[in-house]
All heavy atoms as atom14 arrays in JSON, in Angstrom:
{
  "sequence": "MIYIEPFRSTTDSRLFALQQMVLLVLFQAVTLIRLCDEQRLCRSFGFE",
  "atom14_mask": [
    [1, 1, 1, 1, 1, 1, 1, 1, 0, 0, 0, 0, 0, 0],
    [1, 1, 1, 1, 1, 1, 1, 1, 0, 0, 0, 0, 0, 0],
    [1, 1, 1, 1, 1, 1, 1, 1, 1, 1, 1, 1, 0, 0],
    [1, 1, 1, 1, 1, 1, 1, 1, 0, 0, 0, 0, 0, 0],
    [1, 1, 1, 1, 1, 1, 1, 1, 1, 0, 0, 0, 0, 0],
    [1, 1, 1, 1, 1, 1, 1, 0, 0, 0, 0, 0, 0, 0],
    [1, 1, 1, 1, 1, 1, 1, 1, 1, 1, 1, 0, 0, 0],
    [1, 1, 1, 1, 1, 1, 1, 1, 1, 1, 1, 0, 0, 0],
    [1, 1, 1, 1, 1, 1, 0, 0, 0, 0, 0, 0, 0, 0],
    [1, 1, 1, 1, 1, 1, 1, 0, 0, 0, 0, 0, 0, 0],
    [1, 1, 1, 1, 1, 1, 1, 0, 0, 0, 0, 0, 0, 0],
    [1, 1, 1, 1, 1, 1, 1, 1, 0, 0, 0, 0, 0, 0],
    [1, 1, 1, 1, 1, 1, 0, 0, 0, 0, 0, 0, 0, 0],
    [1, 1, 1, 1, 1, 1, 1, 1, 1, 1, 1, 0, 0, 0],
    [1, 1, 1, 1, 1, 1, 1, 1, 0, 0, 0, 0, 0, 0],
    [1, 1, 1, 1, 1, 1, 1, 1, 1, 1, 1, 0, 0, 0],
    [1, 1, 1, 1, 1, 0, 0, 0, 0, 0, 0, 0, 0, 0],
    [1, 1, 1, 1, 1, 1, 1, 1, 0, 0, 0, 0, 0, 0],
    [1, 1, 1, 1, 1, 1, 1, 1, 1, 0, 0, 0, 0, 0],
    [1, 1, 1, 1, 1, 1, 1, 1, 1, 0, 0, 0, 0, 0],
    [1, 1, 1, 1, 1, 1, 1, 1, 0, 0, 0, 0, 0, 0],
    [1, 1, 1, 1, 1, 1, 1, 0, 0, 0, 0, 0, 0, 0],
    [1, 1, 1, 1, 1, 1, 1, 1, 0, 0, 0, 0, 0, 0],
    [1, 1, 1, 1, 1, 1, 1, 1, 0, 0, 0, 0, 0, 0],
    [1, 1, 1, 1, 1, 1, 1, 0, 0, 0, 0, 0, 0, 0],
    [1, 1, 1, 1, 1, 1, 1, 1, 0, 0, 0, 0, 0, 0],
    [1, 1, 1, 1, 1, 1, 1, 1, 1, 1, 1, 0, 0, 0],
    [1, 1, 1, 1, 1, 1, 1, 1, 1, 0, 0, 0, 0, 0],
    [1, 1, 1, 1, 1, 0, 0, 0, 0, 0, 0, 0, 0, 0],
    [1, 1, 1, 1, 1, 1, 1, 0, 0, 0, 0, 0, 0, 0],
    [1, 1, 1, 1, 1, 1, 1, 0, 0, 0, 0, 0, 0, 0],
    [1, 1, 1, 1, 1, 1, 1, 1, 0, 0, 0, 0, 0, 0],
    [1, 1, 1, 1, 1, 1, 1, 1, 0, 0, 0, 0, 0, 0],
    [1, 1, 1, 1, 1, 1, 1, 1, 1, 1, 1, 0, 0, 0],
    [1, 1, 1, 1, 1, 1, 1, 1, 0, 0, 0, 0, 0, 0],
    [1, 1, 1, 1, 1, 1, 0, 0, 0, 0, 0, 0, 0, 0],
    [1, 1, 1, 1, 1, 1, 1, 1, 0, 0, 0, 0, 0, 0],
    [1, 1, 1, 1, 1, 1, 1, 1, 1, 0, 0, 0, 0, 0],
    [1, 1, 1, 1, 1, 1, 1, 1, 1, 0, 0, 0, 0, 0],
    [1, 1, 1, 1, 1, 1, 1, 1, 1, 1, 1, 0, 0, 0],
    [1, 1, 1, 1, 1, 1, 1, 1, 0, 0, 0, 0, 0, 0],
    [1, 1, 1, 1, 1, 1, 0, 0, 0, 0, 0, 0, 0, 0],
    [1, 1, 1, 1, 1, 1, 1, 1, 1, 1, 1, 0, 0, 0],
    [1, 1, 1, 1, 1, 1, 0, 0, 0, 0, 0, 0, 0, 0],
    [1, 1, 1, 1, 1, 1, 1, 1, 1, 1, 1, 0, 0, 0],
    [1, 1, 1, 1, 0, 0, 0, 0, 0, 0, 0, 0, 0, 0],
    [1, 1, 1, 1, 1, 1, 1, 1, 1, 1, 1, 0, 0, 0],
    [1, 1, 1, 1, 1, 1, 1, 1, 1, 0, 0, 0, 0, 0]
  ],
  "atom14_positions": [
    [[-47.82, 48.96, 27.35], [-47.78, 47.67, 28.08], [-46.47, 46.93, 27.8], [-45.85, 46.38, 28.7], [-49.0, 46.83, 27.66], [-49.18, 45.56, 28.5], [-48.14, 44.16, 27.98], [-48.76, 43.89, 26.31], [0.0, 0.0, 0.0], [0.0, 0.0, 0.0], [0.0, 0.0, 0.0], [0.0, 0.0, 0.0], [0.0, 0.0, 0.0], [0.0, 0.0, 0.0]],
    [[-46.04, 46.93, 26.52], [-44.8, 46.24, 26.16], [-43.6, 46.9, 26.82], [-42.67, 46.28, 27.25], [-44.65, 46.2, 24.63], [-45.7, 45.31, 24.01], [-43.24, 45.69, 24.25], [-45.71, 45.3, 22.51], [0.0, 0.0, 0.0], [0.0, 0.0, 0.0], [0.0, 0.0, 0.0], [0.0, 0.0, 0.0], [0.0, 0.0, 0.0], [0.0, 0.0, 0.0]],
    [[-43.66, 48.23, 26.92], [-42.52, 49.0, 27.47], [-42.4, 48.86, 29.0], [-41.3, 48.63, 29.52], [-42.68, 50.47, 27.12], [-41.55, 51.32, 27.6], [-40.28, 51.27, 26.99], [-41.73, 52.2, 28.67], [-39.24, 52.07, 27.44], [-40.68, 53.0, 29.14], [-39.45, 52.92, 28.51], [-38.42, 53.69, 28.98], [0.0, 0.0, 0.0], [0.0, 0.0, 0.0]],
    [[-43.52, 48.96, 29.73], [-43.44, 48.96, 31.22], [-43.71, 47.58, 31.81], [-43.36, 47.37, 32.97], [-44.36, 50.02, 31.83], [-45.85, 49.65, 31.58], [-44.06, 51.4, 31.26], [-46.8, 50.61, 32.25], [0.0, 0.0, 0.0], [0.0, 0.0, 0.0], [0.0, 0.0, 0.0], [0.0, 0.0, 0.0], [0.0, 0.0, 0.0], [0.0, 0.0, 0.0]],
    [[-44.42, 46.71, 31.09], [-44.77, 45.36, 31.6], [-45.39, 45.42, 33.01], [-44.78, 45.01, 33.99], [-43.54, 44.47, 31.6], [-42.99, 44.17, 30.22], [-41.85, 43.19, 30.24], [-41.43, 42.82, 31.37], [-41.41, 42.76, 29.16], [0.0, 0.0, 0.0], [0.0, 0.0, 0.0], [0.0, 0.0, 0.0], [0.0, 0.0, 0.0], [0.0, 0.0, 0.0]],
    [[-46.6, 45.96, 33.13], [-47.17, 46.17, 34.48], [-47.75, 44.91, 35.11], [-47.93, 44.91, 36.36], [-48.31, 47.17, 34.15], [-48.73, 46.83, 32.79], [-47.5, 46.43, 32.06], [0.0, 0.0, 0.0], [0.0, 0.0, 0.0], [0.0, 0.0, 0.0], [0.0, 0.0, 0.0], [0.0, 0.0, 0.0], [0.0, 0.0, 0.0], [0.0, 0.0, 0.0]],
    [[-48.03, 43.87, 34.37], [-48.68, 42.68, 34.95], [-47.68, 41.82, 35.74], [-46.51, 41.68, 35.35], [-49.3, 41.84, 33.83], [-50.47, 42.48, 33.17], [-50.32, 43.21, 32.0], [-51.75, 42.39, 33.73], [-51.42, 43.83, 31.4], [-52.83, 42.98, 33.1], [-52.68, 43.71, 31.96], [0.0, 0.0, 0.0], [0.0, 0.0, 0.0], [0.0, 0.0, 0.0]],
    [[-48.16, 41.24, 36.78], [-47.35, 40.29, 37.57], [-47.08, 39.02, 36.77], [-45.97, 38.48, 36.75], [-48.07, 39.89, 38.87], [-48.23, 41.01, 39.85], [-48.98, 40.48, 41.07], [-49.29, 41.52, 42.01], [-48.55, 41.87, 43.05], [-47.4, 41.24, 43.22], [-48.89, 42.82, 43.88], [0.0, 0.0, 0.0], [0.0, 0.0, 0.0], [0.0, 0.0, 0.0]],
    [[-48.13, 38.53, 36.11], [-48.04, 37.26, 35.38], [-47.65, 37.49, 33.93], [-48.21, 38.36, 33.24], [-49.4, 36.54, 35.46], [-49.43, 35.43, 34.61], [0.0, 0.0, 0.0], [0.0, 0.0, 0.0], [0.0, 0.0, 0.0], [0.0, 0.0, 0.0], [0.0, 0.0, 0.0], [0.0, 0.0, 0.0], [0.0, 0.0, 0.0], [0.0, 0.0, 0.0]],
    [[-46.71, 36.66, 33.47], [-46.31, 36.72, 32.04], [-47.5, 36.3, 31.18], [-47.69, 36.87, 30.07], [-45.12, 35.78, 31.8], [-44.05, 36.16, 32.62], [-44.69, 35.86, 30.36], [0.0, 0.0, 0.0], [0.0, 0.0, 0.0], [0.0, 0.0, 0.0], [0.0, 0.0, 0.0], [0.0, 0.0, 0.0], [0.0, 0.0, 0.0], [0.0, 0.0, 0.0]],
    [[-48.3, 35.35, 31.63], [-49.46, 34.9, 30.88], [-50.46, 36.03, 30.68], [-50.99, 36.25, 29.58], [-50.14, 33.73, 31.55], [-49.22, 32.65, 31.68], [-51.34, 33.25, 30.76], [0.0, 0.0, 0.0], [0.0, 0.0, 0.0], [0.0, 0.0, 0.0], [0.0, 0.0, 0.0], [0.0, 0.0, 0.0], [0.0, 0.0, 0.0], [0.0, 0.0, 0.0]],
    [[-50.66, 36.82, 31.73], [-51.58, 37.98, 31.63], [-51.06, 39.0, 30.63], [-51.83, 39.56, 29.85], [-51.76, 38.64, 32.98], [-52.57, 37.81, 33.93], [-53.28, 36.87, 33.46], [-52.51, 38.05, 35.17], [0.0, 0.0, 0.0], [0.0, 0.0, 0.0], [0.0, 0.0, 0.0], [0.0, 0.0, 0.0], [0.0, 0.0, 0.0], [0.0, 0.0, 0.0]],
    [[-49.74, 39.2, 30.61], [-49.18, 40.13, 29.64], [-49.35, 39.66, 28.24], [-49.73, 40.45, 27.33], [-47.67, 40.3, 29.94], [-47.45, 40.89, 31.16], [0.0, 0.0, 0.0], [0.0, 0.0, 0.0], [0.0, 0.0, 0.0], [0.0, 0.0, 0.0], [0.0, 0.0, 0.0], [0.0, 0.0, 0.0], [0.0, 0.0, 0.0], [0.0, 0.0, 0.0]],
    [[-49.14, 38.37, 27.96], [-49.31, 37.82, 26.64], [-50.77, 37.89, 26.2], [-51.06, 38.22, 25.05], [-48.8, 36.37, 26.57], [-47.34, 36.19, 26.95], [-46.43, 36.91, 25.98], [-45.03, 36.64, 26.32], [-44.3, 37.45, 27.08], [-44.85, 38.53, 27.61], [-43.03, 37.13, 27.31], [0.0, 0.0, 0.0], [0.0, 0.0, 0.0], [0.0, 0.0, 0.0]],
    [[-51.67, 37.54, 27.07], [-53.09, 37.61, 26.75], [-53.57, 39.04, 26.49], [-54.4, 39.28, 25.58], [-53.95, 36.98, 27.87], [-53.81, 35.47, 28.03], [-54.6, 35.0, 29.24], [-54.28, 34.76, 26.77], [0.0, 0.0, 0.0], [0.0, 0.0, 0.0], [0.0, 0.0, 0.0], [0.0, 0.0, 0.0], [0.0, 0.0, 0.0], [0.0, 0.0, 0.0]],
    [[-53.04, 39.99, 27.26], [-53.4, 41.39, 27.0], [-52.9, 41.86, 25.66], [-53.61, 42.53, 24.9], [-52.82, 42.26, 28.13], [-53.18, 43.74, 27.93], [-54.42, 44.21, 28.33], [-52.26, 44.62, 27.41], [-54.78, 45.53, 28.19], [-52.57, 45.96, 27.23], [-53.83, 46.41, 27.64], [0.0, 0.0, 0.0], [0.0, 0.0, 0.0], [0.0, 0.0, 0.0]],
    [[-51.66, 41.46, 25.31], [-51.12, 41.82, 23.99], [-51.93, 41.19, 22.87], [-52.19, 41.82, 21.85], [-49.66, 41.34, 23.91], [0.0, 0.0, 0.0], [0.0, 0.0, 0.0], [0.0, 0.0, 0.0], [0.0, 0.0, 0.0], [0.0, 0.0, 0.0], [0.0, 0.0, 0.0], [0.0, 0.0, 0.0], [0.0, 0.0, 0.0], [0.0, 0.0, 0.0]],
    [[-52.37, 39.95, 23.08], [-53.22, 39.28, 22.11], [-54.54, 40.0, 21.93], [-55.01, 40.21, 20.81], [-53.49, 37.82, 22.54], [-54.53, 37.03, 21.74], [-54.07, 36.89, 20.3], [-54.77, 35.68, 22.36], [0.0, 0.0, 0.0], [0.0, 0.0, 0.0], [0.0, 0.0, 0.0], [0.0, 0.0, 0.0], [0.0, 0.0, 0.0], [0.0, 0.0, 0.0]],
    [[-55.1, 40.41, 23.03], [-56.38, 41.17, 22.97], [-56.2, 42.45, 22.18], [-57.05, 42.76, 21.35], [-56.83, 41.5, 24.38], [-58.13, 42.29, 24.46], [-58.37, 42.87, 25.84], [-57.49, 43.4, 26.45], [-59.61, 42.71, 26.34], [0.0, 0.0, 0.0], [0.0, 0.0, 0.0], [0.0, 0.0, 0.0], [0.0, 0.0, 0.0], [0.0, 0.0, 0.0]],
    [[-55.13, 43.16, 22.42], [-54.92, 44.41, 21.69], [-54.68, 44.2, 20.22], [-55.17, 44.97, 19.36], [-53.72, 45.17, 22.3], [-53.86, 45.52, 23.76], [-55.22, 46.12, 24.09], [-55.55, 47.21, 23.63], [-55.98, 45.44, 24.93], [0.0, 0.0, 0.0], [0.0, 0.0, 0.0], [0.0, 0.0, 0.0], [0.0, 0.0, 0.0], [0.0, 0.0, 0.0]],
    [[-53.96, 43.12, 19.86], [-53.74, 42.82, 18.44], [-55.04, 42.48, 17.75], [-55.31, 42.89, 16.61], [-52.74, 41.68, 18.33], [-51.31, 42.06, 18.72], [-50.65, 43.38, 17.69], [-50.65, 42.6, 16.08], [0.0, 0.0, 0.0], [0.0, 0.0, 0.0], [0.0, 0.0, 0.0], [0.0, 0.0, 0.0], [0.0, 0.0, 0.0], [0.0, 0.0, 0.0]],
    [[-55.88, 41.67, 18.4], [-57.19, 41.31, 17.83], [-58.04, 42.56, 17.61], [-58.7, 42.72, 16.57], [-57.92, 40.29, 18.75], [-59.36, 40.11, 18.3], [-57.17, 38.96, 18.72], [0.0, 0.0, 0.0], [0.0, 0.0, 0.0], [0.0, 0.0, 0.0], [0.0, 0.0, 0.0], [0.0, 0.0, 0.0], [0.0, 0.0, 0.0], [0.0, 0.0, 0.0]],
    [[-58.03, 43.44, 18.6], [-58.8, 44.7, 18.45], [-58.28, 45.54, 17.31], [-59.07, 46.14, 16.55], [-58.73, 45.5, 19.78], [-59.57, 44.96, 20.94], [-59.3, 45.79, 22.19], [-61.04, 44.99, 20.6], [0.0, 0.0, 0.0], [0.0, 0.0, 0.0], [0.0, 0.0, 0.0], [0.0, 0.0, 0.0], [0.0, 0.0, 0.0], [0.0, 0.0, 0.0]],
    [[-56.97, 45.63, 17.16], [-56.39, 46.4, 16.08], [-56.86, 45.85, 14.7], [-57.21, 46.62, 13.79], [-54.86, 46.39, 16.14], [-54.21, 47.39, 17.08], [-52.71, 47.15, 17.16], [-54.5, 48.81, 16.62], [0.0, 0.0, 0.0], [0.0, 0.0, 0.0], [0.0, 0.0, 0.0], [0.0, 0.0, 0.0], [0.0, 0.0, 0.0], [0.0, 0.0, 0.0]],
    [[-56.82, 44.54, 14.56], [-57.27, 43.93, 13.31], [-58.73, 44.22, 13.08], [-59.14, 44.53, 11.94], [-57.0, 42.39, 13.35], [-57.6, 41.71, 12.09], [-55.5, 42.11, 13.4], [0.0, 0.0, 0.0], [0.0, 0.0, 0.0], [0.0, 0.0, 0.0], [0.0, 0.0, 0.0], [0.0, 0.0, 0.0], [0.0, 0.0, 0.0], [0.0, 0.0, 0.0]],
    [[-59.54, 44.14, 14.13], [-60.97, 44.43, 13.95], [-61.24, 45.85, 13.53], [-62.08, 46.12, 12.64], [-61.71, 44.1, 15.27], [-61.81, 42.62, 15.65], [-62.48, 42.47, 17.01], [-62.66, 41.85, 14.61], [0.0, 0.0, 0.0], [0.0, 0.0, 0.0], [0.0, 0.0, 0.0], [0.0, 0.0, 0.0], [0.0, 0.0, 0.0], [0.0, 0.0, 0.0]],
    [[-60.52, 46.81, 14.15], [-60.71, 48.2, 13.79], [-60.21, 48.49, 12.4], [-60.84, 49.28, 11.67], [-59.99, 49.1, 14.82], [-60.57, 49.04, 16.19], [-59.73, 49.06, 17.3], [-61.95, 49.0, 16.37], [-60.28, 48.98, 18.57], [-62.47, 48.93, 17.66], [-61.65, 48.91, 18.77], [0.0, 0.0, 0.0], [0.0, 0.0, 0.0], [0.0, 0.0, 0.0]],
    [[-59.16, 47.82, 11.97], [-58.7, 47.98, 10.6], [-59.73, 47.4, 9.63], [-59.97, 47.97, 8.55], [-57.35, 47.26, 10.42], [-56.2, 48.0, 11.09], [-54.92, 47.23, 11.04], [-54.88, 46.08, 10.59], [-53.84, 47.84, 11.48], [0.0, 0.0, 0.0], [0.0, 0.0, 0.0], [0.0, 0.0, 0.0], [0.0, 0.0, 0.0], [0.0, 0.0, 0.0]],
    [[-60.32, 46.29, 9.99], [-61.36, 45.68, 9.15], [-62.57, 46.64, 9.03], [-63.14, 46.77, 7.91], [-61.82, 44.34, 9.71], [0.0, 0.0, 0.0], [0.0, 0.0, 0.0], [0.0, 0.0, 0.0], [0.0, 0.0, 0.0], [0.0, 0.0, 0.0], [0.0, 0.0, 0.0], [0.0, 0.0, 0.0], [0.0, 0.0, 0.0], [0.0, 0.0, 0.0]],
    [[-62.95, 47.29, 10.12], [-64.06, 48.25, 10.08], [-63.74, 49.37, 9.12], [-64.59, 49.81, 8.31], [-64.33, 48.79, 11.49], [-65.29, 49.96, 11.42], [-64.9, 47.69, 12.38], [0.0, 0.0, 0.0], [0.0, 0.0, 0.0], [0.0, 0.0, 0.0], [0.0, 0.0, 0.0], [0.0, 0.0, 0.0], [0.0, 0.0, 0.0], [0.0, 0.0, 0.0]],
    [[-62.49, 49.87, 9.17], [-62.1, 50.95, 8.29], [-62.15, 50.52, 6.84], [-62.67, 51.24, 5.96], [-60.67, 51.43, 8.64], [-60.6, 51.79, 10.0], [-60.27, 52.59, 7.78], [0.0, 0.0, 0.0], [0.0, 0.0, 0.0], [0.0, 0.0, 0.0], [0.0, 0.0, 0.0], [0.0, 0.0, 0.0], [0.0, 0.0, 0.0], [0.0, 0.0, 0.0]],
    [[-61.65, 49.32, 6.54], [-61.65, 48.82, 5.16], [-63.07, 48.59, 4.65], [-63.41, 48.85, 3.47], [-60.84, 47.54, 5.07], [-59.31, 47.71, 5.18], [-58.65, 46.32, 5.19], [-58.77, 48.55, 4.07], [0.0, 0.0, 0.0], [0.0, 0.0, 0.0], [0.0, 0.0, 0.0], [0.0, 0.0, 0.0], [0.0, 0.0, 0.0], [0.0, 0.0, 0.0]],
    [[-63.94, 48.04, 5.52], [-65.32, 47.85, 5.13], [-66.03, 49.13, 4.77], [-66.8, 49.23, 3.83], [-66.1, 47.07, 6.25], [-65.58, 45.62, 6.34], [-67.57, 47.1, 6.0], [-66.13, 44.86, 7.51], [0.0, 0.0, 0.0], [0.0, 0.0, 0.0], [0.0, 0.0, 0.0], [0.0, 0.0, 0.0], [0.0, 0.0, 0.0], [0.0, 0.0, 0.0]],
    [[-65.72, 50.19, 5.54], [-66.3, 51.5, 5.24], [-65.79, 51.99, 3.89], [-66.55, 52.58, 3.13], [-65.92, 52.49, 6.33], [-66.73, 52.29, 7.61], [-68.13, 52.8, 7.46], [-68.87, 52.7, 8.68], [-70.12, 53.12, 8.82], [-70.78, 53.62, 7.79], [-70.77, 52.97, 9.97], [0.0, 0.0, 0.0], [0.0, 0.0, 0.0], [0.0, 0.0, 0.0]],
    [[-64.51, 51.76, 3.62], [-63.93, 52.27, 2.36], [-64.43, 51.41, 1.22], [-64.4, 51.89, 0.02], [-62.41, 52.2, 2.45], [-61.74, 53.17, 3.44], [-60.25, 52.92, 3.48], [-62.03, 54.61, 3.08], [0.0, 0.0, 0.0], [0.0, 0.0, 0.0], [0.0, 0.0, 0.0], [0.0, 0.0, 0.0], [0.0, 0.0, 0.0], [0.0, 0.0, 0.0]],
    [[-64.87, 50.2, 1.48], [-65.3, 49.33, 0.4], [-66.71, 49.67, -0.12], [-67.26, 48.92, -0.98], [-65.31, 47.85, 0.87], [-63.73, 47.05, 0.5], [0.0, 0.0, 0.0], [0.0, 0.0, 0.0], [0.0, 0.0, 0.0], [0.0, 0.0, 0.0], [0.0, 0.0, 0.0], [0.0, 0.0, 0.0], [0.0, 0.0, 0.0], [0.0, 0.0, 0.0]],
    [[-67.28, 50.75, 0.35], [-68.52, 51.21, -0.24], [-68.31, 51.59, -1.71], [-69.24, 51.54, -2.53], [-69.06, 52.43, 0.52], [-69.58, 52.03, 1.91], [-69.85, 50.84, 2.11], [-69.66, 52.91, 2.77], [0.0, 0.0, 0.0], [0.0, 0.0, 0.0], [0.0, 0.0, 0.0], [0.0, 0.0, 0.0], [0.0, 0.0, 0.0], [0.0, 0.0, 0.0]],
    [[-67.06, 51.91, -2.02], [-66.68, 52.2, -3.39], [-65.94, 50.98, -3.91], [-64.85, 50.65, -3.44], [-65.84, 53.47, -3.47], [-65.5, 53.9, -4.89], [-64.69, 55.2, -4.91], [-64.69, 55.91, -3.89], [-64.08, 55.47, -5.93], [0.0, 0.0, 0.0], [0.0, 0.0, 0.0], [0.0, 0.0, 0.0], [0.0, 0.0, 0.0], [0.0, 0.0, 0.0]],
    [[-66.45, 50.32, -4.92], [-65.94, 49.06, -5.41], [-64.45, 49.18, -5.9], [-63.63, 48.31, -5.64], [-66.81, 48.52, -6.54], [-66.48, 47.08, -6.96], [-66.81, 46.06, -5.9], [-67.62, 46.34, -5.01], [-66.2, 44.9, -5.94], [0.0, 0.0, 0.0], [0.0, 0.0, 0.0], [0.0, 0.0, 0.0], [0.0, 0.0, 0.0], [0.0, 0.0, 0.0]],
    [[-64.19, 50.26, -6.62], [-62.84, 50.44, -7.14], [-61.8, 50.58, -6.01], [-60.74, 49.99, -6.08], [-62.8, 51.69, -8.02], [-61.42, 51.97, -8.69], [-61.47, 53.23, -9.5], [-61.85, 54.36, -8.65], [-60.95, 55.05, -7.9], [-59.7, 54.68, -7.87], [-61.36, 56.07, -7.19], [0.0, 0.0, 0.0], [0.0, 0.0, 0.0], [0.0, 0.0, 0.0]],
    [[-62.15, 51.32, -5.0], [-61.3, 51.49, -3.86], [-61.09, 50.18, -3.11], [-60.0, 49.88, -2.61], [-61.83, 52.56, -2.91], [-60.9, 53.04, -1.78], [-59.59, 53.57, -2.33], [-61.63, 54.08, -0.94], [0.0, 0.0, 0.0], [0.0, 0.0, 0.0], [0.0, 0.0, 0.0], [0.0, 0.0, 0.0], [0.0, 0.0, 0.0], [0.0, 0.0, 0.0]],
    [[-62.15, 49.4, -3.02], [-62.08, 48.12, -2.34], [-61.12, 47.18, -3.03], [-60.31, 46.49, -2.4], [-63.49, 47.5, -2.25], [-63.59, 45.97, -1.27], [0.0, 0.0, 0.0], [0.0, 0.0, 0.0], [0.0, 0.0, 0.0], [0.0, 0.0, 0.0], [0.0, 0.0, 0.0], [0.0, 0.0, 0.0], [0.0, 0.0, 0.0], [0.0, 0.0, 0.0]],
    [[-61.17, 47.13, -4.35], [-60.31, 46.27, -5.14], [-58.85, 46.71, -5.02], [-57.93, 45.89, -5.2], [-60.76, 46.22, -6.57], [-62.04, 45.44, -6.78], [-62.48, 45.44, -8.23], [-63.69, 44.61, -8.4], [-64.33, 44.51, -9.58], [-63.88, 45.13, -10.66], [-65.43, 43.77, -9.65], [0.0, 0.0, 0.0], [0.0, 0.0, 0.0], [0.0, 0.0, 0.0]],
    [[-58.61, 48.01, -4.81], [-57.24, 48.48, -4.68], [-56.56, 47.92, -3.44], [-55.34, 47.88, -3.35], [-57.21, 50.0, -4.64], [-57.81, 50.51, -3.45], [0.0, 0.0, 0.0], [0.0, 0.0, 0.0], [0.0, 0.0, 0.0], [0.0, 0.0, 0.0], [0.0, 0.0, 0.0], [0.0, 0.0, 0.0], [0.0, 0.0, 0.0], [0.0, 0.0, 0.0]],
    [[-57.37, 47.47, -2.47], [-56.81, 46.85, -1.24], [-56.72, 45.34, -1.4], [-56.28, 44.64, -0.49], [-57.69, 47.17, -0.05], [-57.6, 48.59, 0.42], [-58.65, 49.46, 0.21], [-56.49, 49.05, 1.08], [-58.59, 50.79, 0.63], [-56.41, 50.36, 1.51], [-57.45, 51.25, 1.26], [0.0, 0.0, 0.0], [0.0, 0.0, 0.0], [0.0, 0.0, 0.0]],
    [[-57.15, 44.81, -2.55], [-57.03, 43.38, -2.8], [-58.24, 42.57, -2.4], [-58.17, 41.35, -2.29], [0.0, 0.0, 0.0], [0.0, 0.0, 0.0], [0.0, 0.0, 0.0], [0.0, 0.0, 0.0], [0.0, 0.0, 0.0], [0.0, 0.0, 0.0], [0.0, 0.0, 0.0], [0.0, 0.0, 0.0], [0.0, 0.0, 0.0], [0.0, 0.0, 0.0]],
    [[-59.37, 43.25, -2.16], [-60.61, 42.55, -1.75], [-61.7, 42.84, -2.76], [-61.75, 43.93, -3.38], [-61.04, 43.02, -0.37], [-60.07, 42.7, 0.72], [-59.22, 43.68, 1.21], [-59.99, 41.47, 1.29], [-58.29, 43.42, 2.21], [-59.07, 41.16, 2.28], [-58.23, 42.17, 2.77], [0.0, 0.0, 0.0], [0.0, 0.0, 0.0], [0.0, 0.0, 0.0]],
    [[-62.6, 41.86, -2.94], [-63.7, 42.02, -3.83], [-64.94, 42.63, -3.17], [-65.75, 43.28, -3.84], [-64.08, 40.67, -4.46], [-63.01, 40.08, -5.36], [-62.78, 40.96, -6.61], [-63.75, 41.59, -7.09], [-61.64, 40.98, -7.08], [0.0, 0.0, 0.0], [0.0, 0.0, 0.0], [0.0, 0.0, 0.0], [0.0, 0.0, 0.0], [0.0, 0.0, 0.0]]
  ]
}
């Protein structure tokens, strides 16, 4: 999306980028939560 910019509206492009960033953070959180089943590994990422 950043490379080809398919949207007519700049606002639509920014909102789509925001949506993808939010999704990336959520998926990373899911991965970390799964890894946090082991307390020692969870603390290595800086979370209790």
